[in-house]
Protein backbone atom coordinates (compact mmCIF):
# COMPACT_ATOMS: atom_id res chain seq x y z
CA UNK A 1 295.96 123.97 101.63
CA UNK A 2 293.81 125.18 104.09
CA UNK A 3 293.29 121.85 105.89
CA UNK A 4 296.19 119.20 106.81
CA UNK A 5 295.28 115.46 106.94
CA UNK A 6 297.31 113.54 109.58
CA UNK A 7 297.23 110.30 110.13
CA UNK A 8 297.41 110.30 114.05
CA UNK A 9 298.88 107.49 116.41
CA UNK A 10 296.76 109.16 119.27
CA UNK A 11 297.74 107.25 122.63
CA UNK A 12 298.21 103.75 120.90
CA UNK A 13 294.40 103.95 119.96
CA UNK A 14 294.27 100.32 118.96
CA UNK A 15 295.98 99.06 122.07
CA UNK A 16 293.97 98.24 125.23
CA UNK A 17 295.09 100.65 128.29
CA UNK A 18 298.44 99.46 129.73
CA UNK A 19 299.17 102.15 132.44
CA UNK A 20 298.71 105.63 133.11
CA UNK A 21 302.72 106.65 132.30
CA UNK A 22 301.98 105.41 128.70
CA UNK A 23 298.93 107.43 128.55
CA UNK A 24 300.96 110.29 129.31
CA UNK A 25 303.44 109.86 126.76
CA UNK A 26 300.69 109.54 124.48
CA UNK A 27 299.36 112.61 125.38
CA UNK A 28 302.26 114.80 125.32
CA UNK A 29 303.16 113.31 121.99
CA UNK A 30 299.81 113.87 120.41
CA UNK A 31 299.78 117.77 121.61
CA UNK A 32 303.18 117.84 120.23
CA UNK A 33 302.33 116.77 116.68
CA UNK A 34 299.24 119.00 116.78
CA UNK A 35 301.47 121.98 117.64
CA UNK A 36 303.99 120.81 115.11
CA UNK A 37 301.73 120.44 112.45
CA UNK A 38 299.98 123.77 113.09
CA UNK A 39 302.90 125.88 113.79
CA UNK A 40 305.26 124.53 110.92
CA UNK A 41 302.18 124.85 108.18
CA UNK A 42 300.43 127.93 109.31
CA UNK A 43 297.34 125.83 109.31
CA UNK A 44 294.83 125.52 112.43
CA UNK A 45 292.29 123.24 110.67
CA UNK A 46 293.58 119.25 111.08
CA UNK A 47 291.96 116.34 109.77
CA UNK A 48 292.93 112.82 111.54
CA UNK A 49 292.37 109.96 109.85
CA UNK A 50 292.56 106.37 109.91
CA UNK A 51 292.18 106.02 113.58
CA UNK A 52 288.96 106.49 115.67
CA UNK A 53 289.26 108.97 118.63
CA UNK A 54 290.72 107.22 121.61
CA UNK A 55 288.24 108.00 124.50
CA UNK A 56 290.94 108.51 127.12
CA UNK A 57 291.66 111.79 125.11
CA UNK A 58 288.31 113.60 126.26
CA UNK A 59 289.22 114.58 129.64
CA UNK A 60 293.30 114.63 128.94
CA UNK A 61 293.97 115.78 125.33
CA UNK A 62 290.95 118.26 124.80
CA UNK A 63 291.08 119.83 127.79
CA UNK A 64 295.02 120.57 127.37
CA UNK A 65 294.06 121.66 123.82
CA UNK A 66 291.61 124.15 125.52
CA UNK A 67 294.01 125.61 127.91
CA UNK A 68 296.90 125.95 125.66
CA UNK A 69 295.20 128.49 123.34
CA UNK A 70 296.57 126.37 120.19
CA UNK A 71 293.48 127.05 118.84
CA UNK A 72 293.63 124.22 116.28
CA UNK A 73 289.97 123.06 114.90
CA UNK A 74 290.04 119.43 114.58
CA UNK A 75 288.11 116.51 112.72
CA UNK A 76 288.23 113.30 114.16
CA UNK A 77 286.28 109.73 113.48
CA UNK A 78 284.29 109.00 116.42
CA UNK A 79 281.47 106.46 117.85
CA UNK A 80 278.36 107.83 117.77
CA UNK A 81 277.36 106.77 121.61
CA UNK A 82 279.10 110.14 122.90
CA UNK A 83 277.23 111.70 125.99
CA UNK A 84 276.69 115.57 125.82
CA UNK A 85 278.92 116.44 128.56
CA UNK A 86 281.84 114.13 126.49
CA UNK A 87 281.06 116.20 123.27
CA UNK A 88 281.12 119.75 124.70
CA UNK A 89 284.63 118.78 126.20
CA UNK A 90 285.65 117.49 122.97
CA UNK A 91 284.31 121.04 121.25
CA UNK A 92 285.83 123.45 123.63
CA UNK A 93 289.08 121.68 122.86
CA UNK A 94 288.69 122.41 119.14
CA UNK A 95 286.84 119.61 117.79
CA UNK A 96 284.80 120.81 114.83
CA UNK A 97 283.92 118.13 112.53
CA UNK A 98 283.60 114.40 112.96
CA UNK A 99 282.88 111.09 111.43
CA UNK A 100 280.51 109.22 113.69
CA UNK A 101 279.68 105.52 112.95
CA UNK A 102 276.07 106.17 112.55
CA UNK A 103 275.35 103.88 109.52
CA UNK A 104 271.70 103.67 110.22
CA UNK A 105 268.54 104.96 112.54
CA UNK A 106 267.26 101.06 112.91
CA UNK A 107 267.82 99.43 115.98
CA UNK A 108 267.44 96.07 114.33
CA UNK A 109 269.74 96.81 111.79
CA UNK A 110 272.42 98.50 114.27
CA UNK A 111 272.10 95.25 116.42
CA UNK A 112 272.82 93.21 112.98
CA UNK A 113 275.94 95.68 112.70
CA UNK A 114 276.83 95.12 116.25
CA UNK A 115 277.42 98.91 116.30
CA UNK A 116 276.76 98.71 120.26
CA UNK A 117 274.35 102.03 120.11
CA UNK A 118 270.91 102.81 119.16
CA UNK A 119 268.84 104.76 116.26
CA UNK A 120 268.03 107.36 119.15
CA UNK A 121 271.33 107.69 120.39
CA UNK A 122 272.49 108.50 116.80
CA UNK A 123 269.86 111.16 116.25
CA UNK A 124 270.46 112.57 119.72
CA UNK A 125 274.23 113.09 118.48
CA UNK A 126 273.03 114.57 115.49
CA UNK A 127 271.00 117.36 117.60
CA UNK A 128 273.84 117.92 119.69
CA UNK A 129 276.05 118.47 117.03
CA UNK A 130 273.63 121.08 115.75
CA UNK A 131 273.55 122.71 118.65
CA UNK A 132 277.23 123.00 119.43
CA UNK A 133 278.45 123.70 115.59
CA UNK A 134 280.16 120.57 115.08
CA UNK A 135 280.10 119.11 111.07
CA UNK A 136 278.95 115.45 111.28
CA UNK A 137 279.48 113.49 108.12
CA UNK A 138 277.90 110.28 108.31
CA UNK A 139 276.29 107.50 105.66
CA UNK A 140 273.30 105.46 105.86
CA UNK A 141 274.63 101.76 105.04
CA UNK A 142 272.12 99.23 103.28
CA UNK A 143 271.84 95.73 102.45
CA UNK A 144 272.87 93.85 105.47
CA UNK A 145 272.21 90.18 105.29
CA UNK A 146 269.26 89.34 107.25
CA UNK A 147 267.86 92.73 107.28
CA UNK A 148 264.04 93.41 107.46
CA UNK A 149 262.68 95.51 104.54
CA UNK A 150 260.29 97.30 107.05
CA UNK A 151 262.94 98.66 109.20
CA UNK A 152 263.55 101.20 105.75
CA UNK A 153 260.09 102.12 105.86
CA UNK A 154 260.36 102.91 109.36
CA UNK A 155 263.43 105.10 108.50
CA UNK A 156 261.80 106.80 105.64
CA UNK A 157 259.11 107.93 107.97
CA UNK A 158 261.79 109.65 110.28
CA UNK A 159 262.94 111.73 107.37
CA UNK A 160 260.34 114.57 107.53
CA UNK A 161 260.82 115.13 111.38
CA UNK A 162 264.69 114.78 111.16
CA UNK A 163 265.46 117.44 108.16
CA UNK A 164 266.30 120.34 110.70
CA UNK A 165 269.47 117.80 111.33
CA UNK A 166 272.56 117.49 109.11
CA UNK A 167 271.45 114.61 106.41
CA UNK A 168 273.78 112.04 105.68
CA UNK A 169 276.48 112.25 103.05
CA UNK A 170 275.06 109.20 101.26
CA UNK A 171 272.56 106.24 101.08
CA UNK A 172 274.75 103.48 100.27
CA UNK A 173 274.95 99.64 99.93
CA UNK A 174 277.64 98.04 102.01
CA UNK A 175 280.80 97.52 100.64
CA UNK A 176 282.59 94.28 101.15
CA UNK A 177 286.19 94.74 101.84
CA UNK A 178 288.96 92.07 102.06
CA UNK A 179 289.51 90.85 105.99
CA UNK A 180 286.34 92.26 107.09
CA UNK A 181 283.94 89.52 108.75
CA UNK A 182 281.40 89.57 105.69
CA UNK A 183 284.36 88.67 103.66
CA UNK A 184 285.94 86.01 105.66
CA UNK A 185 283.04 84.45 107.16
CA UNK A 186 280.66 85.36 104.12
CA UNK A 187 278.78 82.01 103.47
CA UNK A 188 277.97 82.38 107.03
CA UNK A 189 276.46 85.77 106.51
CA UNK A 190 274.25 84.41 103.42
CA UNK A 191 276.41 86.39 100.83
CA UNK A 192 277.30 83.99 97.25
CA UNK A 193 279.57 84.76 94.31
CA UNK A 194 282.17 86.48 96.44
CA UNK A 195 284.15 88.19 93.62
CA UNK A 196 286.17 91.34 92.90
CA UNK A 197 284.79 94.47 92.09
CA UNK A 198 283.87 94.93 88.48
CA UNK A 199 286.30 98.19 88.20
CA UNK A 200 289.77 95.91 88.79
CA UNK A 201 288.88 94.38 85.39
CA UNK A 202 289.35 97.75 83.90
CA UNK A 203 292.26 98.51 85.75
CA UNK A 204 294.47 95.43 85.50
CA UNK A 205 295.02 93.00 82.67
CA UNK A 206 294.58 90.16 84.85
CA UNK A 207 292.02 86.94 85.18
CA UNK A 208 289.87 86.68 88.11
CA UNK A 209 291.74 84.44 89.82
CA UNK A 210 294.63 86.84 89.94
CA UNK A 211 292.38 89.59 90.85
CA UNK A 212 290.84 87.61 93.55
CA UNK A 213 294.20 87.55 95.10
CA UNK A 214 294.93 91.00 94.64
CA UNK A 215 291.60 93.17 95.14
CA UNK A 216 290.71 94.85 98.30
CA UNK A 217 286.78 95.36 97.49
CA UNK A 218 284.60 92.90 96.47
CA UNK A 219 280.89 92.20 94.93
CA UNK A 220 278.63 89.80 96.09
CA UNK A 221 274.97 88.39 96.01
CA UNK A 222 272.78 87.26 98.66
CA UNK A 223 272.04 83.54 99.13
CA UNK A 224 268.33 84.27 99.15
CA UNK A 225 267.96 86.30 96.32
CA UNK A 226 267.36 89.57 97.88
CA UNK A 227 267.50 92.47 95.88
CA UNK A 228 267.80 95.51 98.72
CA UNK A 229 267.06 98.34 96.25
CA UNK A 230 263.83 96.96 95.72
CA UNK A 231 263.00 98.14 99.54
CA UNK A 232 265.65 100.69 100.30
CA UNK A 233 264.87 103.13 97.23
CA UNK A 234 262.15 104.70 99.12
CA UNK A 235 264.23 105.68 101.77
CA UNK A 236 266.85 106.82 99.05
CA UNK A 237 263.82 108.98 97.52
CA UNK A 238 262.85 110.57 100.64
CA UNK A 239 266.34 111.76 101.98
CA UNK A 240 266.87 113.09 98.41
CA UNK A 241 263.30 115.05 98.40
CA UNK A 242 262.70 116.15 101.97
CA UNK A 243 266.70 116.25 103.71
CA UNK A 244 269.15 116.90 100.80
CA UNK A 245 267.06 119.04 98.76
CA UNK A 246 266.13 121.57 101.56
CA UNK A 247 269.84 121.66 102.66
CA UNK A 248 271.54 121.75 99.69
CA UNK A 249 269.24 123.17 96.76
CA UNK A 250 268.21 126.24 99.08
CA UNK A 251 269.54 129.51 100.86
CA UNK A 252 271.13 128.41 104.13
CA UNK A 253 268.49 130.62 106.11
CA UNK A 254 265.66 128.41 104.28
CA UNK A 255 267.00 125.34 106.21
CA UNK A 256 264.35 123.85 108.27
CA UNK A 257 264.69 124.52 111.95
CA UNK A 258 263.41 122.93 115.18
CA UNK A 259 264.89 125.00 117.96
CA UNK A 260 264.18 125.15 121.76
CA UNK A 261 264.54 127.67 124.09
CA UNK A 262 264.06 127.74 127.76
CA UNK A 263 263.25 130.55 129.67
CA UNK A 264 263.02 129.53 133.25
CA UNK A 265 259.15 128.90 133.05
CA UNK A 266 258.76 127.11 129.82
CA UNK A 267 260.29 125.35 126.81
CA UNK A 268 259.27 127.63 123.61
CA UNK A 269 260.02 125.74 120.31
CA UNK A 270 259.93 127.37 116.84
CA UNK A 271 259.21 124.62 114.21
CA UNK A 272 259.71 125.47 110.13
CA UNK A 273 259.70 122.08 109.01
CA UNK A 274 257.24 121.23 106.17
CA UNK A 275 255.40 118.87 108.13
CA UNK A 276 255.20 120.97 111.26
CA UNK A 277 251.73 120.83 113.30
CA UNK A 278 252.47 124.27 114.41
CA UNK A 279 254.96 126.95 113.89
CA UNK A 280 255.56 127.49 117.33
CA UNK A 281 254.90 125.62 120.66
CA UNK A 282 255.30 126.65 124.48
CA UNK A 283 255.67 123.74 126.91
CA UNK A 284 255.21 124.02 130.30
CA UNK A 285 254.95 121.85 133.57
CA UNK A 286 254.96 118.26 133.23
CA UNK A 287 255.45 118.41 129.30
CA UNK A 288 258.41 120.76 129.44
CA UNK A 289 259.96 118.66 132.09
CA UNK A 290 259.84 115.44 129.92
CA UNK A 291 260.99 117.56 127.05
CA UNK A 292 264.02 118.46 128.79
CA UNK A 293 264.56 115.18 130.28
CA UNK A 294 264.29 113.24 126.94
CA UNK A 295 267.22 115.62 125.50
CA UNK A 296 269.04 112.09 125.88
CA UNK A 297 266.92 108.88 125.26
CA UNK A 298 265.01 107.80 128.14
CA UNK A 299 262.78 104.75 128.40
CA UNK A 300 258.76 105.03 129.55
CA UNK A 301 259.35 103.01 132.80
CA UNK A 302 262.34 105.20 133.81
CA UNK A 303 260.40 108.45 133.20
CA UNK A 304 257.40 106.99 135.14
CA UNK A 305 259.45 106.41 137.98
CA UNK A 306 261.55 109.48 138.06
CA UNK A 307 258.37 111.72 138.08
CA UNK A 308 256.18 109.62 140.18
CA UNK A 309 255.69 112.48 142.72
CA UNK A 310 254.16 114.78 140.40
CA UNK A 311 252.21 112.42 137.85
CA UNK A 312 251.17 109.03 137.86
CA UNK A 313 252.04 106.82 135.20
CA UNK A 314 249.31 107.49 132.65
CA UNK A 315 249.85 111.33 133.00
CA UNK A 316 253.46 110.88 131.84
CA UNK A 317 252.26 108.42 129.19
CA UNK A 318 249.68 111.36 127.66
CA UNK A 319 252.00 113.88 127.84
CA UNK A 320 254.39 111.73 125.79
CA UNK A 321 251.80 110.92 123.41
CA UNK A 322 251.01 114.55 123.35
CA UNK A 323 254.75 115.54 122.19
CA UNK A 324 254.62 112.74 120.01
CA UNK A 325 251.52 113.82 118.22
CA UNK A 326 253.16 117.55 117.73
CA UNK A 327 255.91 115.82 116.10
CA UNK A 328 258.38 117.04 118.67
CA UNK A 329 259.67 113.83 119.70
CA UNK A 330 259.94 110.49 118.43
CA UNK A 331 259.67 107.00 120.37
CA UNK A 332 261.68 103.91 119.41
CA UNK A 333 261.11 100.38 120.96
CA UNK A 334 259.98 101.79 124.02
CA UNK A 335 262.45 104.66 124.32
CA UNK A 336 261.64 108.38 124.05
CA UNK A 337 263.65 111.43 122.57
CA UNK A 338 263.26 115.34 122.36
CA UNK A 339 263.72 116.23 118.68
CA UNK A 340 264.18 120.05 119.20
CA UNK A 341 267.96 121.37 119.04
CA UNK A 342 268.33 123.27 122.44
CA UNK A 343 269.50 126.77 121.46
CA UNK A 344 269.25 127.54 125.21
CA UNK A 345 268.82 125.21 128.17
CA UNK A 346 268.92 125.17 131.73
CA UNK A 347 272.30 125.70 133.44
CA UNK A 348 272.04 122.27 135.03
CA UNK A 349 270.92 120.26 132.25
CA UNK A 350 273.06 117.33 131.13
CA UNK A 351 275.39 117.63 134.50
CA UNK A 352 274.31 114.30 135.96
CA UNK A 353 271.62 116.17 138.32
CA UNK A 354 268.51 113.97 138.93
CA UNK A 355 266.41 116.83 138.01
CA UNK A 356 267.80 118.80 135.12
CA UNK A 357 264.27 120.36 134.74
CA UNK A 358 264.54 121.81 137.97
CA UNK A 359 264.13 125.39 136.57
CA UNK A 360 261.00 124.79 134.98
CA UNK A 361 258.09 125.96 137.15
CA UNK A 362 255.14 123.64 137.49
CA UNK A 363 251.81 124.56 135.57
CA UNK A 364 248.34 123.14 135.77
CA UNK A 365 248.30 119.97 134.11
CA UNK A 366 245.45 121.36 131.39
CA UNK A 367 248.41 123.54 130.20
CA UNK A 368 251.04 121.26 130.15
CA UNK A 369 250.99 121.64 126.00
CA UNK A 370 249.82 124.70 124.32
CA UNK A 371 250.69 125.84 121.02
CA UNK A 372 250.80 129.24 119.76
CA UNK A 373 249.93 129.82 116.30
């Protein structure tokens, strides 16, 4: 076996923070366990499961792993709202694979899930993973009570724009598990006829009453009679044809790319996606600055305020609309996000500077967005 799977009790991940001494003890224990597993079994790849990453370890355990020379490569379950600097710290400490809680690219559906993140935050995480070389295994879940079918049409429209990023493992209906809110409060969420998943009947020679006490997974119907497959199939087909096929049924070098390179004067973008407006773009001036600033999702009002000294509100909006028309950027509920994977970036980018784009020199407004064909 080349990979070790470990259930890691990292720093009491399911407990609240209760003191530096306990945190330190957890840190030392976590490091000691990783060191023991690696040295005892002669393996560098360790997959940690059943606990989401304790965020306190971003600035404790992972710097220690980086400096130790242990050289382990870790997989961990994480939240999807990580910041860029957090992800780079994790990568430097050996994180090479994650299972992020993406689940959807729809703000509305994410709110129904109470995920505490947005669709653009999920996309930006996938971009940063592509940049750093972190494998991201995630799912798209469907069939949430009270979801709007139109959200799946919006997600289907995103697929051709995102095909340069790692695709989901599956597009799958939600699973009803015992003890979950959907199970314990099923009627409140509009779920009816909750019953043991049919496969249990092929495994256990028991009746429905006994299986209902034994089962962990359950089938269900919707109180409003909806059939999610009727409005989800288009998204699933788009993912299959325009994402999975180009990733898994073609040579590695044939995968679509949307790569950005910052040369100090401009942002040069190469686009090999099937729906590319042009194979290459050169962004200068305001367009370049906005593109770098939208490396993480930004609101229109914040961008207009931040760039107010060099452009009026209408000019900022026009530049953003040009980037969207070129399919280099997406807008969702008033937030803007650049889509290209940054292969080179200004040294100050994402380090908290008020002007991460300061290395980009100004160009005349008419030249802010030019295409090279």
